[in-house]
Amino acid sequence: MDSNSRIWLAISRLWLKPAFYTHIISAICTLVAIAIFIVNYKKVLQLKPIQLIEIFLLLAIAIAAHGKSHIMLEQQYGYDPIAYL
């Protein structure tokens, strides 16, 4: 079995699990936040240092939560997309 079919087999087992949808939504929201950050970088650079720290901390929390979701999906369902690379 090649790596693509193993990935799709793992996803087919997960698609009804709420944790999988939460993981996908987390990824989409984080990517949208990063895109908005990049598009508005000139405005972001004009913020006060404390506001920049708050933004980066919020981004760090979002990335950490998404990472924990990866760990949970791997432990509960055996879904580890990085192993297929």
N, C-alpha and C. Protein backbone atom coordinates (compact mmCIF):
# COMPACT_ATOMS: atom_id res chain seq x y z
N MET A 1 0.85 -1.18 0.00
CA MET A 1 0.00 0.00 0.00
C MET A 1 0.90 1.24 0.00
N ASP A 2 0.67 2.13 -0.96
CA ASP A 2 1.49 3.34 -1.03
C ASP A 2 1.04 4.36 0.01
N SER A 3 1.83 5.40 0.17
CA SER A 3 1.57 6.37 1.24
C SER A 3 0.27 7.14 1.01
N ASN A 4 -0.08 7.44 -0.24
CA ASN A 4 -1.33 8.16 -0.51
C ASN A 4 -2.55 7.36 -0.08
N SER A 5 -2.55 6.07 -0.37
CA SER A 5 -3.71 5.27 0.01
C SER A 5 -3.78 5.09 1.52
N ARG A 6 -2.62 5.06 2.20
CA ARG A 6 -2.63 4.98 3.67
C ARG A 6 -3.19 6.25 4.28
N ILE A 7 -2.85 7.39 3.68
CA ILE A 7 -3.37 8.67 4.18
C ILE A 7 -4.88 8.71 4.01
N TRP A 8 -5.38 8.33 2.84
CA TRP A 8 -6.82 8.38 2.60
C TRP A 8 -7.57 7.36 3.45
N LEU A 9 -6.94 6.22 3.74
CA LEU A 9 -7.56 5.24 4.62
C LEU A 9 -7.70 5.81 6.03
N ALA A 10 -6.65 6.47 6.50
CA ALA A 10 -6.70 7.09 7.83
C ALA A 10 -7.76 8.19 7.87
N ILE A 11 -7.82 9.00 6.83
CA ILE A 11 -8.81 10.08 6.79
C ILE A 11 -10.22 9.52 6.71
N SER A 12 -10.41 8.45 5.96
CA SER A 12 -11.75 7.87 5.84
C SER A 12 -12.26 7.35 7.18
N ARG A 13 -11.36 6.93 8.06
CA ARG A 13 -11.76 6.49 9.40
C ARG A 13 -12.10 7.67 10.30
N LEU A 14 -11.53 8.82 10.00
CA LEU A 14 -11.67 9.98 10.87
C LEU A 14 -12.80 10.93 10.50
N TRP A 15 -13.28 10.90 9.30
CA TRP A 15 -14.13 11.98 8.82
C TRP A 15 -15.42 12.15 9.59
N LEU A 16 -15.84 11.17 10.37
CA LEU A 16 -17.04 11.34 11.19
C LEU A 16 -16.73 11.75 12.63
N LYS A 17 -15.47 11.87 12.96
CA LYS A 17 -15.07 12.20 14.33
C LYS A 17 -15.05 13.71 14.52
N PRO A 18 -15.69 14.21 15.59
CA PRO A 18 -15.69 15.65 15.85
C PRO A 18 -14.28 16.22 16.04
N ALA A 19 -13.39 15.43 16.61
CA ALA A 19 -12.02 15.91 16.83
C ALA A 19 -11.34 16.25 15.50
N PHE A 20 -11.64 15.50 14.46
CA PHE A 20 -11.05 15.77 13.16
C PHE A 20 -11.54 17.11 12.61
N TYR A 21 -12.84 17.37 12.73
CA TYR A 21 -13.38 18.64 12.26
C TYR A 21 -12.81 19.81 13.07
N THR A 22 -12.68 19.63 14.36
CA THR A 22 -12.08 20.66 15.20
C THR A 22 -10.65 20.95 14.76
N HIS A 23 -9.93 19.90 14.44
CA HIS A 23 -8.54 20.05 13.99
C HIS A 23 -8.48 20.83 12.67
N ILE A 24 -9.34 20.50 11.74
CA ILE A 24 -9.37 21.18 10.44
C ILE A 24 -9.76 22.65 10.62
N ILE A 25 -10.77 22.92 11.44
CA ILE A 25 -11.21 24.30 11.68
C ILE A 25 -10.09 25.09 12.33
N SER A 26 -9.37 24.46 13.27
CA SER A 26 -8.24 25.12 13.91
C SER A 26 -7.17 25.49 12.89
N ALA A 27 -6.89 24.59 11.98
CA ALA A 27 -5.89 24.87 10.94
C ALA A 27 -6.32 26.02 10.04
N ILE A 28 -7.57 26.01 9.63
CA ILE A 28 -8.09 27.06 8.75
C ILE A 28 -8.06 28.42 9.45
N CYS A 29 -8.51 28.46 10.70
CA CYS A 29 -8.52 29.73 11.44
C CYS A 29 -7.11 30.27 11.65
N THR A 30 -6.17 29.39 11.95
CA THR A 30 -4.79 29.83 12.14
C THR A 30 -4.21 30.37 10.84
N LEU A 31 -4.48 29.69 9.74
CA LEU A 31 -3.98 30.16 8.44
C LEU A 31 -4.61 31.49 8.04
N VAL A 32 -5.90 31.66 8.31
CA VAL A 32 -6.56 32.93 8.01
C VAL A 32 -5.96 34.05 8.85
N ALA A 33 -5.71 33.77 10.13
CA ALA A 33 -5.12 34.79 11.00
C ALA A 33 -3.73 35.18 10.51
N ILE A 34 -2.94 34.21 10.09
CA ILE A 34 -1.60 34.51 9.57
C ILE A 34 -1.70 35.31 8.27
N ALA A 35 -2.66 34.95 7.41
CA ALA A 35 -2.84 35.69 6.15
C ALA A 35 -3.24 37.15 6.42
N ILE A 36 -4.15 37.36 7.35
CA ILE A 36 -4.56 38.72 7.70
C ILE A 36 -3.38 39.49 8.28
N PHE A 37 -2.60 38.82 9.10
CA PHE A 37 -1.40 39.43 9.68
C PHE A 37 -0.44 39.88 8.57
N ILE A 38 -0.22 39.02 7.58
CA ILE A 38 0.71 39.33 6.49
C ILE A 38 0.18 40.46 5.61
N VAL A 39 -1.11 40.41 5.30
CA VAL A 39 -1.71 41.45 4.44
C VAL A 39 -1.65 42.82 5.12
N ASN A 40 -1.79 42.84 6.43
CA ASN A 40 -1.81 44.11 7.17
C ASN A 40 -0.52 44.36 7.95
N TYR A 41 0.59 43.87 7.44
CA TYR A 41 1.83 43.96 8.20
C TYR A 41 2.25 45.39 8.49
N LYS A 42 1.95 46.34 7.60
CA LYS A 42 2.34 47.73 7.85
C LYS A 42 1.59 48.29 9.06
N LYS A 43 0.31 47.96 9.17
CA LYS A 43 -0.47 48.41 10.33
C LYS A 43 0.00 47.69 11.60
N VAL A 44 0.34 46.41 11.44
CA VAL A 44 0.78 45.64 12.60
C VAL A 44 2.08 46.20 13.16
N LEU A 45 2.98 46.60 12.29
CA LEU A 45 4.26 47.14 12.75
C LEU A 45 4.11 48.48 13.47
N GLN A 46 2.99 49.16 13.27
CA GLN A 46 2.76 50.45 13.93
C GLN A 46 2.12 50.28 15.31
N LEU A 47 1.78 49.06 15.68
CA LEU A 47 1.16 48.83 16.98
C LEU A 47 2.18 49.03 18.10
N LYS A 48 1.66 49.24 19.30
CA LYS A 48 2.52 49.36 20.47
C LYS A 48 3.14 47.99 20.76
N PRO A 49 4.30 47.99 21.39
CA PRO A 49 4.96 46.70 21.68
C PRO A 49 4.10 45.72 22.47
N ILE A 50 3.33 46.22 23.42
CA ILE A 50 2.50 45.33 24.22
C ILE A 50 1.41 44.67 23.35
N GLN A 51 0.89 45.42 22.38
CA GLN A 51 -0.10 44.86 21.47
C GLN A 51 0.52 43.80 20.56
N LEU A 52 1.75 44.03 20.12
CA LEU A 52 2.46 43.03 19.32
C LEU A 52 2.67 41.75 20.13
N ILE A 53 3.05 41.92 21.39
CA ILE A 53 3.24 40.76 22.25
C ILE A 53 1.94 39.98 22.39
N GLU A 54 0.83 40.69 22.58
CA GLU A 54 -0.47 40.02 22.70
C GLU A 54 -0.81 39.24 21.43
N ILE A 55 -0.56 39.83 20.28
CA ILE A 55 -0.85 39.16 19.01
C ILE A 55 0.00 37.90 18.87
N PHE A 56 1.28 38.00 19.17
CA PHE A 56 2.15 36.84 19.05
C PHE A 56 1.80 35.76 20.06
N LEU A 57 1.40 36.16 21.26
CA LEU A 57 0.98 35.17 22.24
C LEU A 57 -0.30 34.45 21.81
N LEU A 58 -1.24 35.19 21.24
CA LEU A 58 -2.45 34.56 20.73
C LEU A 58 -2.14 33.58 19.60
N LEU A 59 -1.23 33.98 18.73
CA LEU A 59 -0.82 33.09 17.65
C LEU A 59 -0.12 31.85 18.22
N ALA A 60 0.70 32.03 19.23
CA ALA A 60 1.38 30.89 19.86
C ALA A 60 0.37 29.93 20.50
N ILE A 61 -0.66 30.47 21.13
CA ILE A 61 -1.70 29.63 21.72
C ILE A 61 -2.43 28.85 20.64
N ALA A 62 -2.74 29.50 19.53
CA ALA A 62 -3.44 28.82 18.43
C ALA A 62 -2.59 27.70 17.86
N ILE A 63 -1.30 27.95 17.67
CA ILE A 63 -0.42 26.92 17.12
C ILE A 63 -0.25 25.78 18.11
N ALA A 64 -0.13 26.10 19.40
CA ALA A 64 0.01 25.05 20.41
C ALA A 64 -1.25 24.19 20.49
N ALA A 65 -2.42 24.81 20.42
CA ALA A 65 -3.67 24.05 20.46
C ALA A 65 -3.78 23.13 19.24
N HIS A 66 -3.35 23.62 18.10
CA HIS A 66 -3.38 22.79 16.89
C HIS A 66 -2.39 21.63 17.03
N GLY A 67 -1.24 21.89 17.61
CA GLY A 67 -0.26 20.83 17.84
C GLY A 67 -0.79 19.77 18.80
N LYS A 68 -1.47 20.20 19.85
CA LYS A 68 -2.07 19.24 20.78
C LYS A 68 -3.13 18.40 20.07
N SER A 69 -3.81 19.01 19.14
CA SER A 69 -4.81 18.27 18.36
C SER A 69 -4.13 17.18 17.53
N HIS A 70 -2.97 17.48 16.97
CA HIS A 70 -2.21 16.46 16.24
C HIS A 70 -1.88 15.28 17.16
N ILE A 71 -1.42 15.57 18.35
CA ILE A 71 -1.06 14.52 19.30
C ILE A 71 -2.27 13.69 19.67
N MET A 72 -3.40 14.35 19.94
CA MET A 72 -4.62 13.63 20.31
C MET A 72 -5.10 12.74 19.18
N LEU A 73 -5.09 13.26 17.96
CA LEU A 73 -5.53 12.45 16.83
C LEU A 73 -4.63 11.24 16.62
N GLU A 74 -3.34 11.41 16.85
CA GLU A 74 -2.42 10.29 16.71
C GLU A 74 -2.65 9.25 17.80
N GLN A 75 -2.83 9.69 19.04
CA GLN A 75 -3.03 8.75 20.14
C GLN A 75 -4.36 8.03 20.04
N GLN A 76 -5.43 8.76 19.73
CA GLN A 76 -6.76 8.16 19.73
C GLN A 76 -7.08 7.35 18.48
N TYR A 77 -6.63 7.85 17.33
CA TYR A 77 -7.08 7.26 16.08
C TYR A 77 -5.93 6.75 15.20
N GLY A 78 -4.70 6.92 15.65
CA GLY A 78 -3.56 6.47 14.84
C GLY A 78 -3.32 7.31 13.61
N TYR A 79 -3.81 8.54 13.63
CA TYR A 79 -3.67 9.43 12.47
C TYR A 79 -2.42 10.28 12.65
N ASP A 80 -1.39 9.98 11.87
CA ASP A 80 -0.14 10.74 11.92
C ASP A 80 0.29 11.06 10.49
N PRO A 81 -0.19 12.19 9.93
CA PRO A 81 0.10 12.50 8.54
C PRO A 81 1.60 12.71 8.26
N ILE A 82 2.35 13.13 9.27
CA ILE A 82 3.78 13.36 9.08
C ILE A 82 4.50 12.04 8.83
N ALA A 83 4.02 10.96 9.41
CA ALA A 83 4.66 9.65 9.23
C ALA A 83 4.56 9.18 7.78
N TYR A 84 3.60 9.71 7.04
CA TYR A 84 3.40 9.28 5.65
C TYR A 84 4.29 10.03 4.67
N LEU A 85 5.00 11.03 5.12
CA LEU A 85 5.85 11.82 4.23
C LEU A 85 7.10 11.07 3.83
